[in-house]
Protein backbone atom coordinates (compact mmCIF):
# COMPACT_ATOMS: atom_id res chain seq x y z
CA GLN A 1 7.92 9.61 2.61
CA VAL A 2 5.50 6.78 3.48
CA GLN A 3 2.46 7.65 6.87
CA ILE A 4 -0.16 5.32 7.18
CA VAL A 5 -1.67 7.56 10.31
CA GLU A 6 -4.99 5.93 12.32
CA SER A 7 -6.81 7.78 13.83
CA GLY A 8 -10.12 7.53 16.02
CA GLY A 9 -9.36 5.28 18.23
CA ARG A 10 -10.97 5.93 21.94
CA LEU A 11 -12.77 4.63 24.99
CA VAL A 12 -16.78 3.26 24.76
CA GLN A 13 -19.00 1.28 25.95
CA PRO A 14 -20.43 -2.14 25.23
CA GLY A 15 -22.49 -1.65 23.01
CA GLY A 16 -20.93 1.47 21.18
CA SER A 17 -19.64 2.61 17.70
CA LEU A 18 -16.45 3.80 16.50
CA ARG A 19 -15.15 4.41 13.42
CA LEU A 20 -11.36 4.33 12.66
CA SER A 21 -8.86 6.18 9.82
CA CYS A 22 -6.20 5.03 8.25
CA VAL A 23 -4.87 8.32 6.20
CA VAL A 24 -1.51 6.85 3.54
CA SER A 25 0.88 9.80 2.27
CA GLY A 26 4.23 8.43 0.03
CA PHE A 27 2.51 5.69 -2.11
CA PRO A 28 0.13 5.32 -4.55
CA PHE A 29 -2.73 4.76 -2.21
CA ASN A 30 -5.49 3.78 -5.47
CA GLU A 31 -3.00 1.60 -6.22
CA TYR A 32 -2.50 -1.04 -2.78
CA THR A 33 -5.41 -3.02 -1.10
CA ILE A 34 -5.70 -2.02 2.34
CA THR A 35 -5.26 -4.36 6.03
CA TRP A 36 -6.76 -3.41 9.52
CA PHE A 37 -5.37 -6.14 11.94
CA ARG A 38 -5.87 -5.05 15.84
CA GLN A 39 -3.59 -6.86 18.64
CA PRO A 40 -5.32 -7.16 21.89
CA PRO A 41 -3.38 -6.75 25.01
CA GLY A 42 -1.02 -10.05 25.85
CA LYS A 43 -2.51 -11.05 22.62
CA GLY A 44 -0.88 -11.12 18.82
CA ARG A 45 -1.71 -8.88 16.01
CA GLU A 46 -4.73 -10.43 14.14
CA PHE A 47 -6.73 -9.97 10.60
CA VAL A 48 -9.46 -7.98 10.74
CA SER A 49 -10.37 -6.30 7.14
CA SER A 50 -9.11 -5.65 3.37
CA ILE A 51 -10.50 -3.81 0.68
CA LEU A 52 -8.73 -3.98 -2.91
CA PRO A 53 -7.58 -0.69 -4.53
CA THR A 54 -11.20 -0.28 -6.54
CA GLY A 55 -12.97 -1.07 -2.62
CA GLY A 56 -14.18 -3.75 -3.26
CA GLY A 57 -13.77 -7.66 -2.10
CA ALA A 58 -13.95 -6.58 1.63
CA VAL A 59 -12.57 -9.36 3.78
CA TYR A 60 -13.54 -9.99 7.26
CA SER A 61 -12.64 -12.53 9.96
CA ASP A 62 -15.00 -14.38 11.71
CA PHE A 63 -15.47 -12.31 14.67
CA ALA A 64 -15.66 -9.07 12.44
CA SER A 65 -18.12 -10.03 9.59
CA GLY A 66 -21.70 -8.71 10.70
CA ARG A 67 -20.65 -6.20 13.56
CA PHE A 68 -17.19 -4.21 11.05
CA THR A 69 -17.60 -2.00 7.69
CA ILE A 70 -14.08 -1.19 6.13
CA SER A 71 -14.38 1.97 3.62
CA ARG A 72 -11.56 3.53 0.98
CA ASP A 73 -12.29 7.25 0.06
CA ASN A 74 -9.80 6.41 -2.78
CA VAL A 75 -10.06 11.10 -3.18
CA LYS A 76 -9.03 11.10 0.66
CA ARG A 77 -6.36 8.56 0.57
CA THR A 78 -8.13 7.91 3.44
CA ALA A 79 -9.96 4.01 4.30
CA TYR A 80 -11.93 3.27 7.63
CA LEU A 81 -13.21 1.10 9.86
CA GLN A 82 -16.53 1.24 10.87
CA MET A 83 -17.41 -0.77 14.59
CA ASN A 84 -20.88 -1.11 15.66
CA ASN A 85 -22.04 -3.61 18.50
CA LEU A 86 -18.31 -3.37 20.36
CA ASN A 87 -17.20 -6.04 23.22
CA SER A 88 -14.70 -6.21 25.30
CA GLU A 89 -13.56 -8.15 23.18
CA ASP A 90 -12.88 -6.20 20.95
CA THR A 91 -10.37 -4.09 22.87
CA ALA A 92 -7.10 -3.80 20.58
CA VAL A 93 -4.25 -0.83 19.07
CA TYR A 94 -6.27 -1.58 15.65
CA TYR A 95 -3.08 -0.41 12.96
CA CYS A 96 -3.94 -0.10 9.65
CA ARG A 97 -1.60 -1.31 6.48
CA GLY A 98 -0.72 -1.02 2.85
CA ASN A 99 1.78 -1.74 0.55
CA GLU A 100 3.42 -3.72 3.75
CA TYR A 101 4.38 -0.21 5.75
CA TRP A 102 2.47 -0.46 8.78
CA GLY A 103 1.03 2.33 11.25
CA LEU A 104 1.47 3.25 14.62
CA GLY A 105 -1.89 2.17 15.70
CA THR A 106 -4.60 3.76 17.67
CA GLN A 107 -5.72 2.47 20.99
CA VAL A 108 -9.74 1.29 21.02
CA THR A 109 -10.83 0.42 25.16
CA VAL A 110 -14.58 -0.95 25.52
CA SER A 111 -15.61 -0.60 28.98
CA SER A 112 -17.60 0.16 31.29
């Protein structure tokens, strides 16, 4: 059974940092690209970042470039999204996708 579980979201002040985690089971993690998406309140889901199975080839959206860092640990079957210098526009539910499967998301709220 495939499971993708995101965690690490919480309320954080503007300028703060968070690290999101995405734990995967049920398919060979080290064979698939992992992608982070987000869905801000009242808006559609948007691409954040992706990373190749080998851990290279990271791609970022314009809003994530320079502030967010994607990584993965194939032994732990976990992907990460380090987010720095957060602002209110980063408020969203953050989702992880791998092998066409989605997690349920983790809520990130940036507010003072």
